[in-house]
N, C-alpha and C. Protein backbone atom coordinates (compact mmCIF):
# COMPACT_ATOMS: atom_id res chain seq x y z
N MET A 1 26.98 5.30 -17.47
CA MET A 1 26.83 6.45 -18.33
C MET A 1 25.73 7.34 -17.78
N ASN A 2 26.06 8.57 -17.44
CA ASN A 2 25.08 9.54 -16.95
C ASN A 2 24.42 10.26 -18.11
N PHE A 3 23.08 10.29 -18.10
CA PHE A 3 22.33 11.04 -19.09
C PHE A 3 21.98 12.43 -18.57
N THR A 4 21.56 12.49 -17.30
CA THR A 4 21.14 13.74 -16.66
C THR A 4 21.55 13.66 -15.19
N ASN A 5 21.14 14.63 -14.40
CA ASN A 5 21.44 14.59 -12.96
C ASN A 5 20.89 13.36 -12.28
N ASN A 6 19.71 12.90 -12.69
CA ASN A 6 19.04 11.79 -12.01
C ASN A 6 18.97 10.50 -12.81
N TRP A 7 19.28 10.53 -14.08
CA TRP A 7 19.04 9.36 -14.92
C TRP A 7 20.31 8.86 -15.57
N THR A 8 20.52 7.55 -15.47
CA THR A 8 21.71 6.90 -16.03
C THR A 8 21.29 5.72 -16.89
N LEU A 9 22.21 5.26 -17.70
CA LEU A 9 21.95 4.06 -18.49
C LEU A 9 21.66 2.88 -17.57
N ALA A 10 22.40 2.76 -16.48
CA ALA A 10 22.20 1.64 -15.55
C ALA A 10 20.79 1.63 -14.97
N LYS A 11 20.27 2.79 -14.60
CA LYS A 11 18.91 2.86 -14.06
C LYS A 11 17.87 2.45 -15.10
N LEU A 12 18.11 2.83 -16.33
CA LEU A 12 17.13 2.57 -17.38
C LEU A 12 17.26 1.20 -18.03
N THR A 13 18.27 0.42 -17.64
CA THR A 13 18.41 -0.93 -18.17
C THR A 13 18.30 -1.99 -17.08
N ALA A 14 18.21 -1.59 -15.82
CA ALA A 14 18.12 -2.56 -14.71
C ALA A 14 16.93 -3.47 -14.90
N SER A 15 17.14 -4.78 -14.67
CA SER A 15 16.05 -5.72 -14.87
C SER A 15 16.31 -7.05 -14.15
N ALA A 16 15.49 -7.33 -13.15
CA ALA A 16 15.57 -8.63 -12.47
C ALA A 16 15.16 -9.74 -13.44
N LYS A 17 14.23 -9.44 -14.33
CA LYS A 17 13.78 -10.44 -15.31
C LYS A 17 14.92 -10.85 -16.24
N ALA A 18 15.77 -9.88 -16.63
CA ALA A 18 16.93 -10.20 -17.48
C ALA A 18 17.88 -11.13 -16.75
N LYS A 19 18.06 -10.89 -15.46
CA LYS A 19 18.93 -11.75 -14.66
C LYS A 19 18.34 -13.16 -14.59
N ALA A 20 17.06 -13.26 -14.35
CA ALA A 20 16.40 -14.56 -14.27
C ALA A 20 16.47 -15.32 -15.59
N LEU A 21 16.41 -14.58 -16.69
CA LEU A 21 16.47 -15.18 -18.03
C LEU A 21 17.91 -15.40 -18.51
N LYS A 22 18.88 -14.90 -17.73
CA LYS A 22 20.30 -14.98 -18.07
C LYS A 22 20.62 -14.26 -19.38
N VAL A 23 20.00 -13.08 -19.56
CA VAL A 23 20.27 -12.24 -20.73
C VAL A 23 20.76 -10.86 -20.28
N GLU A 24 21.45 -10.81 -19.14
CA GLU A 24 21.91 -9.54 -18.59
C GLU A 24 22.82 -8.79 -19.55
N ASN A 25 23.71 -9.51 -20.25
CA ASN A 25 24.62 -8.83 -21.16
C ASN A 25 23.84 -8.13 -22.28
N LEU A 26 22.85 -8.80 -22.80
CA LEU A 26 22.00 -8.22 -23.85
C LEU A 26 21.19 -7.04 -23.29
N GLN A 27 20.64 -7.19 -22.09
CA GLN A 27 19.84 -6.16 -21.46
C GLN A 27 20.67 -4.92 -21.11
N ASN A 28 21.84 -5.13 -20.57
CA ASN A 28 22.65 -4.02 -20.05
C ASN A 28 23.51 -3.34 -21.10
N ASN A 29 23.51 -3.84 -22.31
CA ASN A 29 24.33 -3.27 -23.39
C ASN A 29 23.48 -3.03 -24.64
N PRO A 30 22.52 -2.10 -24.55
CA PRO A 30 21.66 -1.87 -25.72
C PRO A 30 22.44 -1.27 -26.88
N PRO A 31 21.91 -1.41 -28.08
CA PRO A 31 22.55 -0.82 -29.26
C PRO A 31 22.66 0.71 -29.12
N ALA A 32 23.58 1.28 -29.86
CA ALA A 32 23.86 2.72 -29.78
C ALA A 32 22.61 3.58 -30.04
N ASP A 33 21.76 3.19 -30.99
CA ASP A 33 20.57 3.99 -31.27
C ASP A 33 19.60 3.97 -30.10
N VAL A 34 19.54 2.85 -29.38
CA VAL A 34 18.69 2.76 -28.19
C VAL A 34 19.25 3.64 -27.07
N VAL A 35 20.56 3.61 -26.89
CA VAL A 35 21.19 4.46 -25.88
C VAL A 35 20.89 5.93 -26.17
N GLU A 36 20.98 6.30 -27.43
CA GLU A 36 20.67 7.68 -27.83
C GLU A 36 19.22 8.04 -27.49
N ARG A 37 18.29 7.12 -27.74
CA ARG A 37 16.88 7.38 -27.43
C ARG A 37 16.64 7.45 -25.93
N LEU A 38 17.34 6.61 -25.17
CA LEU A 38 17.22 6.66 -23.71
C LEU A 38 17.71 8.02 -23.18
N GLN A 39 18.75 8.52 -23.78
CA GLN A 39 19.26 9.84 -23.38
C GLN A 39 18.24 10.93 -23.70
N ILE A 40 17.64 10.84 -24.85
CA ILE A 40 16.60 11.81 -25.24
C ILE A 40 15.42 11.71 -24.28
N LEU A 41 14.96 10.50 -23.99
CA LEU A 41 13.86 10.30 -23.04
C LEU A 41 14.21 10.90 -21.68
N SER A 42 15.43 10.68 -21.23
CA SER A 42 15.88 11.23 -19.95
C SER A 42 15.85 12.74 -19.95
N ASN A 43 16.35 13.35 -21.01
CA ASN A 43 16.42 14.81 -21.08
C ASN A 43 15.06 15.46 -21.29
N GLU A 44 14.26 14.92 -22.16
CA GLU A 44 13.00 15.55 -22.54
C GLU A 44 11.84 15.27 -21.60
N VAL A 45 11.91 14.15 -20.86
CA VAL A 45 10.77 13.74 -20.05
C VAL A 45 11.16 13.45 -18.60
N LEU A 46 12.03 12.47 -18.41
CA LEU A 46 12.28 11.97 -17.05
C LEU A 46 12.94 13.00 -16.14
N GLN A 47 13.93 13.72 -16.63
CA GLN A 47 14.58 14.72 -15.78
C GLN A 47 13.65 15.89 -15.48
N VAL A 48 12.84 16.24 -16.44
CA VAL A 48 11.87 17.32 -16.24
C VAL A 48 10.90 16.95 -15.11
N ILE A 49 10.42 15.71 -15.13
CA ILE A 49 9.52 15.22 -14.08
C ILE A 49 10.26 15.17 -12.74
N SER A 50 11.49 14.65 -12.76
CA SER A 50 12.29 14.56 -11.53
C SER A 50 12.53 15.93 -10.91
N ASP A 51 12.86 16.91 -11.74
CA ASP A 51 13.11 18.26 -11.23
C ASP A 51 11.85 18.86 -10.60
N GLU A 52 10.72 18.66 -11.25
CA GLU A 52 9.47 19.20 -10.72
C GLU A 52 9.07 18.48 -9.43
N ALA A 53 9.27 17.18 -9.37
CA ALA A 53 8.97 16.43 -8.14
C ALA A 53 9.84 16.92 -6.99
N ALA A 54 11.12 17.15 -7.26
CA ALA A 54 12.04 17.64 -6.22
C ALA A 54 11.62 19.03 -5.75
N ARG A 55 11.14 19.85 -6.66
CA ARG A 55 10.70 21.20 -6.30
C ARG A 55 9.45 21.15 -5.42
N ARG A 56 8.49 20.33 -5.84
CA ARG A 56 7.21 20.27 -5.10
C ARG A 56 7.30 19.44 -3.83
N TYR A 57 8.04 18.36 -3.90
CA TYR A 57 8.09 17.38 -2.80
C TYR A 57 9.54 17.07 -2.46
N PRO A 58 10.20 17.96 -1.74
CA PRO A 58 11.62 17.76 -1.42
C PRO A 58 11.87 16.37 -0.80
N GLY A 59 12.91 15.73 -1.28
CA GLY A 59 13.24 14.39 -0.81
C GLY A 59 12.54 13.28 -1.57
N SER A 60 11.66 13.63 -2.50
CA SER A 60 10.97 12.60 -3.28
C SER A 60 11.92 11.99 -4.30
N GLU A 61 11.53 10.84 -4.81
CA GLU A 61 12.34 10.15 -5.84
C GLU A 61 11.42 9.67 -6.96
N VAL A 62 11.75 10.05 -8.17
CA VAL A 62 11.09 9.51 -9.35
C VAL A 62 11.99 8.39 -9.84
N PHE A 63 11.42 7.21 -10.07
CA PHE A 63 12.23 6.08 -10.50
C PHE A 63 11.47 5.23 -11.50
N THR A 64 12.21 4.41 -12.22
CA THR A 64 11.61 3.54 -13.22
C THR A 64 11.60 2.10 -12.72
N THR A 65 10.51 1.42 -13.03
CA THR A 65 10.46 -0.02 -12.77
C THR A 65 10.78 -0.79 -14.03
N SER A 66 10.70 -0.12 -15.17
CA SER A 66 11.03 -0.76 -16.43
C SER A 66 11.28 0.32 -17.47
N GLY A 67 12.53 0.47 -17.87
CA GLY A 67 12.88 1.38 -18.95
C GLY A 67 13.10 0.55 -20.20
N TYR A 68 14.35 0.51 -20.65
CA TYR A 68 14.70 -0.32 -21.80
C TYR A 68 14.49 -1.79 -21.45
N ARG A 69 13.94 -2.54 -22.41
CA ARG A 69 13.82 -4.00 -22.28
C ARG A 69 14.29 -4.62 -23.59
N CYS A 70 15.32 -5.46 -23.50
CA CYS A 70 15.72 -6.21 -24.69
C CYS A 70 14.55 -7.13 -25.07
N LEU A 71 14.52 -7.61 -26.30
CA LEU A 71 13.37 -8.39 -26.77
C LEU A 71 13.06 -9.61 -25.92
N PRO A 72 14.05 -10.41 -25.48
CA PRO A 72 13.68 -11.56 -24.63
C PRO A 72 12.98 -11.13 -23.33
N VAL A 73 13.42 -10.05 -22.72
CA VAL A 73 12.78 -9.55 -21.50
C VAL A 73 11.40 -9.00 -21.85
N ASN A 74 11.31 -8.23 -22.91
CA ASN A 74 10.03 -7.67 -23.33
C ASN A 74 9.00 -8.77 -23.57
N ARG A 75 9.40 -9.83 -24.24
CA ARG A 75 8.49 -10.95 -24.51
C ARG A 75 8.13 -11.68 -23.23
N ALA A 76 9.09 -11.83 -22.34
CA ALA A 76 8.86 -12.55 -21.08
C ALA A 76 7.85 -11.84 -20.18
N VAL A 77 7.78 -10.52 -20.27
CA VAL A 77 6.80 -9.79 -19.46
C VAL A 77 5.46 -9.64 -20.19
N GLY A 78 5.36 -10.23 -21.38
CA GLY A 78 4.09 -10.25 -22.10
C GLY A 78 3.82 -9.02 -22.95
N SER A 79 4.86 -8.26 -23.25
CA SER A 79 4.69 -7.06 -24.04
C SER A 79 4.92 -7.35 -25.52
N ALA A 80 4.33 -6.55 -26.37
CA ALA A 80 4.44 -6.73 -27.82
C ALA A 80 5.82 -6.29 -28.31
N ASP A 81 6.29 -6.92 -29.39
CA ASP A 81 7.59 -6.58 -29.96
C ASP A 81 7.66 -5.12 -30.42
N ASP A 82 6.52 -4.51 -30.76
CA ASP A 82 6.54 -3.13 -31.22
C ASP A 82 6.39 -2.13 -30.07
N SER A 83 6.47 -2.61 -28.83
CA SER A 83 6.47 -1.73 -27.66
C SER A 83 7.60 -0.72 -27.77
N GLN A 84 7.45 0.41 -27.12
CA GLN A 84 8.50 1.43 -27.15
C GLN A 84 9.64 1.11 -26.18
N HIS A 85 9.44 0.17 -25.27
CA HIS A 85 10.52 -0.19 -24.34
C HIS A 85 11.76 -0.73 -25.07
N PRO A 86 11.65 -1.66 -26.00
CA PRO A 86 12.85 -2.13 -26.70
C PRO A 86 13.50 -1.07 -27.59
N LYS A 87 12.78 -0.02 -27.89
CA LYS A 87 13.33 1.07 -28.71
C LYS A 87 14.03 2.12 -27.85
N GLY A 88 13.90 2.02 -26.51
CA GLY A 88 14.51 3.00 -25.62
C GLY A 88 13.71 4.29 -25.53
N GLU A 89 12.42 4.20 -25.77
CA GLU A 89 11.58 5.40 -25.80
C GLU A 89 10.55 5.45 -24.68
N ALA A 90 10.59 4.51 -23.72
CA ALA A 90 9.55 4.46 -22.70
C ALA A 90 10.10 4.10 -21.33
N SER A 91 9.40 4.57 -20.33
CA SER A 91 9.73 4.24 -18.95
C SER A 91 8.43 4.03 -18.16
N ASP A 92 8.37 2.95 -17.41
CA ASP A 92 7.29 2.75 -16.43
C ASP A 92 7.80 3.38 -15.14
N THR A 93 7.12 4.41 -14.70
CA THR A 93 7.66 5.32 -13.71
C THR A 93 6.78 5.40 -12.47
N LYS A 94 7.44 5.60 -11.32
CA LYS A 94 6.75 5.79 -10.04
C LYS A 94 7.38 6.95 -9.29
N LEU A 95 6.67 7.42 -8.25
CA LEU A 95 7.19 8.47 -7.38
C LEU A 95 7.11 7.98 -5.94
N ARG A 96 8.24 8.08 -5.25
CA ARG A 96 8.28 7.75 -3.82
C ARG A 96 8.44 9.05 -3.04
N TYR A 97 7.58 9.22 -2.03
CA TYR A 97 7.63 10.43 -1.20
C TYR A 97 7.30 10.04 0.24
N ASN A 98 8.15 10.46 1.16
CA ASN A 98 7.98 10.12 2.58
C ASN A 98 7.82 8.61 2.79
N GLY A 99 8.59 7.84 2.03
CA GLY A 99 8.60 6.38 2.19
C GLY A 99 7.45 5.64 1.54
N ALA A 100 6.55 6.34 0.88
CA ALA A 100 5.39 5.69 0.26
C ALA A 100 5.36 5.97 -1.24
N ILE A 101 4.83 5.04 -2.01
CA ILE A 101 4.61 5.27 -3.43
C ILE A 101 3.42 6.19 -3.57
N ARG A 102 3.62 7.31 -4.24
CA ARG A 102 2.58 8.34 -4.40
C ARG A 102 2.42 8.67 -5.88
N ASN A 103 1.86 7.73 -6.61
CA ASN A 103 1.67 7.96 -8.04
C ASN A 103 0.57 8.97 -8.32
N ASP A 104 -0.29 9.25 -7.33
CA ASP A 104 -1.26 10.33 -7.48
C ASP A 104 -0.53 11.67 -7.64
N LEU A 105 0.56 11.84 -6.90
CA LEU A 105 1.36 13.07 -7.02
C LEU A 105 2.08 13.11 -8.37
N LEU A 106 2.57 11.95 -8.81
CA LEU A 106 3.24 11.85 -10.11
C LEU A 106 2.26 12.23 -11.23
N VAL A 107 1.05 11.73 -11.17
CA VAL A 107 0.06 12.05 -12.20
C VAL A 107 -0.22 13.56 -12.22
N GLN A 108 -0.30 14.18 -11.06
CA GLN A 108 -0.55 15.63 -11.02
C GLN A 108 0.60 16.39 -11.66
N ILE A 109 1.83 15.98 -11.38
CA ILE A 109 3.00 16.61 -12.01
C ILE A 109 2.93 16.46 -13.52
N ILE A 110 2.65 15.26 -13.97
CA ILE A 110 2.56 14.99 -15.41
C ILE A 110 1.44 15.83 -16.04
N LYS A 111 0.30 15.90 -15.38
CA LYS A 111 -0.81 16.72 -15.89
C LYS A 111 -0.36 18.16 -16.10
N ASP A 112 0.36 18.69 -15.13
CA ASP A 112 0.79 20.09 -15.21
C ASP A 112 1.88 20.32 -16.26
N LEU A 113 2.84 19.41 -16.33
CA LEU A 113 3.97 19.59 -17.25
C LEU A 113 3.63 19.32 -18.71
N PHE A 114 2.72 18.36 -18.94
CA PHE A 114 2.47 17.89 -20.30
C PHE A 114 1.07 18.25 -20.81
N ALA A 115 0.42 19.21 -20.16
CA ALA A 115 -0.90 19.67 -20.60
C ALA A 115 -0.82 20.15 -22.05
N PRO A 116 -1.95 20.15 -22.73
CA PRO A 116 -1.95 20.64 -24.11
C PRO A 116 -1.28 22.01 -24.22
N GLY A 117 -0.41 22.13 -25.22
CA GLY A 117 0.32 23.37 -25.45
C GLY A 117 1.63 23.44 -24.68
N LYS A 118 1.88 22.45 -23.83
CA LYS A 118 3.13 22.43 -23.07
C LYS A 118 4.07 21.40 -23.68
N ARG A 119 4.80 20.67 -22.88
CA ARG A 119 5.83 19.74 -23.35
C ARG A 119 5.25 18.58 -24.16
N PRO A 120 5.97 18.14 -25.19
CA PRO A 120 5.50 16.99 -25.97
C PRO A 120 5.74 15.66 -25.26
N PHE A 121 4.93 14.68 -25.59
CA PHE A 121 5.09 13.29 -25.15
C PHE A 121 4.41 12.42 -26.20
N ASP A 122 4.75 11.16 -26.21
CA ASP A 122 4.11 10.25 -27.16
C ASP A 122 2.90 9.57 -26.51
N GLN A 123 3.16 8.84 -25.42
CA GLN A 123 2.07 8.18 -24.71
C GLN A 123 2.24 8.35 -23.21
N ILE A 124 1.12 8.50 -22.54
CA ILE A 124 1.03 8.37 -21.10
C ILE A 124 0.01 7.26 -20.90
N ILE A 125 0.43 6.21 -20.20
CA ILE A 125 -0.51 5.13 -19.91
C ILE A 125 -0.56 4.98 -18.39
N LEU A 126 -1.75 5.17 -17.85
CA LEU A 126 -1.99 5.03 -16.42
C LEU A 126 -2.35 3.57 -16.18
N GLU A 127 -1.40 2.82 -15.62
CA GLU A 127 -1.53 1.37 -15.60
C GLU A 127 -1.93 0.83 -14.24
N TYR A 128 -3.03 0.06 -14.27
CA TYR A 128 -3.54 -0.65 -13.11
C TYR A 128 -3.85 0.31 -11.97
N GLY A 129 -3.93 -0.17 -10.75
CA GLY A 129 -4.27 0.69 -9.63
C GLY A 129 -5.77 0.92 -9.53
N ALA A 130 -6.17 1.52 -8.41
CA ALA A 130 -7.59 1.71 -8.11
C ALA A 130 -8.26 2.73 -9.02
N SER A 131 -7.50 3.72 -9.48
CA SER A 131 -8.09 4.73 -10.36
C SER A 131 -7.03 5.23 -11.32
N GLY A 132 -7.50 5.89 -12.38
CA GLY A 132 -6.56 6.46 -13.34
C GLY A 132 -5.70 7.54 -12.75
N LEU A 133 -6.20 8.22 -11.73
CA LEU A 133 -5.43 9.31 -11.13
C LEU A 133 -4.48 8.81 -10.04
N ASN A 134 -4.53 7.51 -9.75
CA ASN A 134 -3.57 6.91 -8.81
C ASN A 134 -3.23 5.49 -9.28
N PRO A 135 -2.54 5.40 -10.42
CA PRO A 135 -2.21 4.09 -10.99
C PRO A 135 -1.06 3.42 -10.23
N GLN A 136 -0.84 2.13 -10.53
CA GLN A 136 0.31 1.44 -9.95
C GLN A 136 1.60 2.02 -10.49
N TRP A 137 1.60 2.42 -11.76
CA TRP A 137 2.73 3.10 -12.37
C TRP A 137 2.23 3.88 -13.58
N VAL A 138 3.09 4.77 -14.07
CA VAL A 138 2.77 5.56 -15.25
C VAL A 138 3.81 5.23 -16.32
N HIS A 139 3.32 4.72 -17.43
CA HIS A 139 4.15 4.52 -18.62
C HIS A 139 4.17 5.86 -19.34
N ILE A 140 5.37 6.36 -19.60
CA ILE A 140 5.47 7.61 -20.36
C ILE A 140 6.53 7.44 -21.43
N SER A 141 6.20 7.89 -22.63
CA SER A 141 7.12 7.70 -23.75
C SER A 141 7.25 9.00 -24.55
N TYR A 142 8.35 9.01 -25.29
CA TYR A 142 8.70 10.17 -26.12
C TYR A 142 9.50 9.64 -27.29
N THR A 143 9.28 10.19 -28.46
CA THR A 143 10.01 9.72 -29.64
C THR A 143 10.43 10.90 -30.51
N LYS A 144 11.51 10.68 -31.23
CA LYS A 144 11.94 11.62 -32.28
C LYS A 144 11.89 10.93 -33.64
N ARG A 145 11.48 9.64 -33.67
CA ARG A 145 11.42 8.89 -34.92
C ARG A 145 10.25 9.35 -35.80
N ARG A 146 9.26 9.93 -35.18
CA ARG A 146 8.05 10.40 -35.85
C ARG A 146 7.42 11.44 -34.94
N GLY A 147 6.29 11.95 -35.30
CA GLY A 147 5.59 12.89 -34.42
C GLY A 147 5.08 12.20 -33.16
N ASN A 148 5.09 12.91 -32.05
CA ASN A 148 4.54 12.37 -30.81
C ASN A 148 3.02 12.44 -30.85
N ARG A 149 2.37 11.35 -30.45
CA ARG A 149 0.92 11.21 -30.58
C ARG A 149 0.11 11.94 -29.50
N ARG A 150 0.72 12.22 -28.36
CA ARG A 150 0.02 12.81 -27.22
C ARG A 150 -1.20 11.97 -26.85
N SER A 151 -0.99 10.68 -26.78
CA SER A 151 -2.05 9.73 -26.46
C SER A 151 -2.04 9.44 -24.95
N VAL A 152 -3.22 9.52 -24.33
CA VAL A 152 -3.36 9.17 -22.92
C VAL A 152 -4.31 8.00 -22.82
N LEU A 153 -3.82 6.92 -22.20
CA LEU A 153 -4.58 5.68 -22.10
C LEU A 153 -4.65 5.22 -20.66
N ARG A 154 -5.58 4.32 -20.39
CA ARG A 154 -5.71 3.67 -19.08
C ARG A 154 -5.71 2.18 -19.33
N LYS A 155 -4.98 1.45 -18.49
CA LYS A 155 -4.96 -0.02 -18.58
C LYS A 155 -5.42 -0.58 -17.25
N VAL A 156 -6.45 -1.41 -17.30
CA VAL A 156 -6.98 -2.10 -16.13
C VAL A 156 -6.81 -3.59 -16.41
N GLU A 157 -6.43 -4.33 -15.38
CA GLU A 157 -6.17 -5.76 -15.55
C GLU A 157 -7.36 -6.48 -16.19
N GLY A 158 -7.03 -7.29 -17.20
CA GLY A 158 -8.03 -8.08 -17.88
C GLY A 158 -8.87 -7.33 -18.89
N LYS A 159 -8.57 -6.05 -19.09
CA LYS A 159 -9.35 -5.26 -20.04
C LYS A 159 -8.42 -4.60 -21.04
N PRO A 160 -8.94 -4.23 -22.21
CA PRO A 160 -8.08 -3.56 -23.20
C PRO A 160 -7.74 -2.14 -22.77
N TYR A 161 -6.74 -1.58 -23.41
CA TYR A 161 -6.39 -0.18 -23.21
C TYR A 161 -7.57 0.68 -23.64
N THR A 162 -7.84 1.73 -22.88
CA THR A 162 -8.91 2.66 -23.24
C THR A 162 -8.36 4.08 -23.19
N ASN A 163 -8.95 4.96 -23.99
CA ASN A 163 -8.58 6.38 -23.93
C ASN A 163 -8.96 6.92 -22.57
N PHE A 164 -8.14 7.86 -22.08
CA PHE A 164 -8.39 8.43 -20.76
C PHE A 164 -8.28 9.95 -20.87
N LYS A 165 -9.25 10.65 -20.31
CA LYS A 165 -9.24 12.11 -20.35
C LYS A 165 -8.49 12.62 -19.13
N LEU A 166 -7.25 13.06 -19.34
CA LEU A 166 -6.42 13.55 -18.25
C LEU A 166 -6.62 15.05 -18.04
N TRP A 167 -6.97 15.78 -19.10
CA TRP A 167 -7.18 17.21 -18.99
C TRP A 167 -8.60 17.56 -19.30
């Protein structure tokens, strides 16, 4: 199922952990409300980022390492049941450019697109990595179930989530 030019249900449900846990059917066939939220996330956030990355960095690829996660997969990776991943509202995202992961470029795109007064988002979490401006991946979420919080956080291994000033 294609959501946008770059985002499909298959991309947002792919999971090696689901295969290892033998829950692929559950992982690859989310409920209809989750599919709807994944489509909204694709349209409102992921495709916008992909389009801007393609404009700035021709040949680049924005991809997800973890989109939707069924509850067994979500629990297996140590995430809380109230995470936005099982709701279809979040993606852990990276940018590949010239054969290298360039999340510093991804963060700059996100800063520009989602600055105050621009596009809405629920959470941006800059996860792991040497600095907040070059994380291992960027968790980005969007919801229509309630108002978007516009929360920006940083996660460092072994430490709690902390607020992060992106702008």
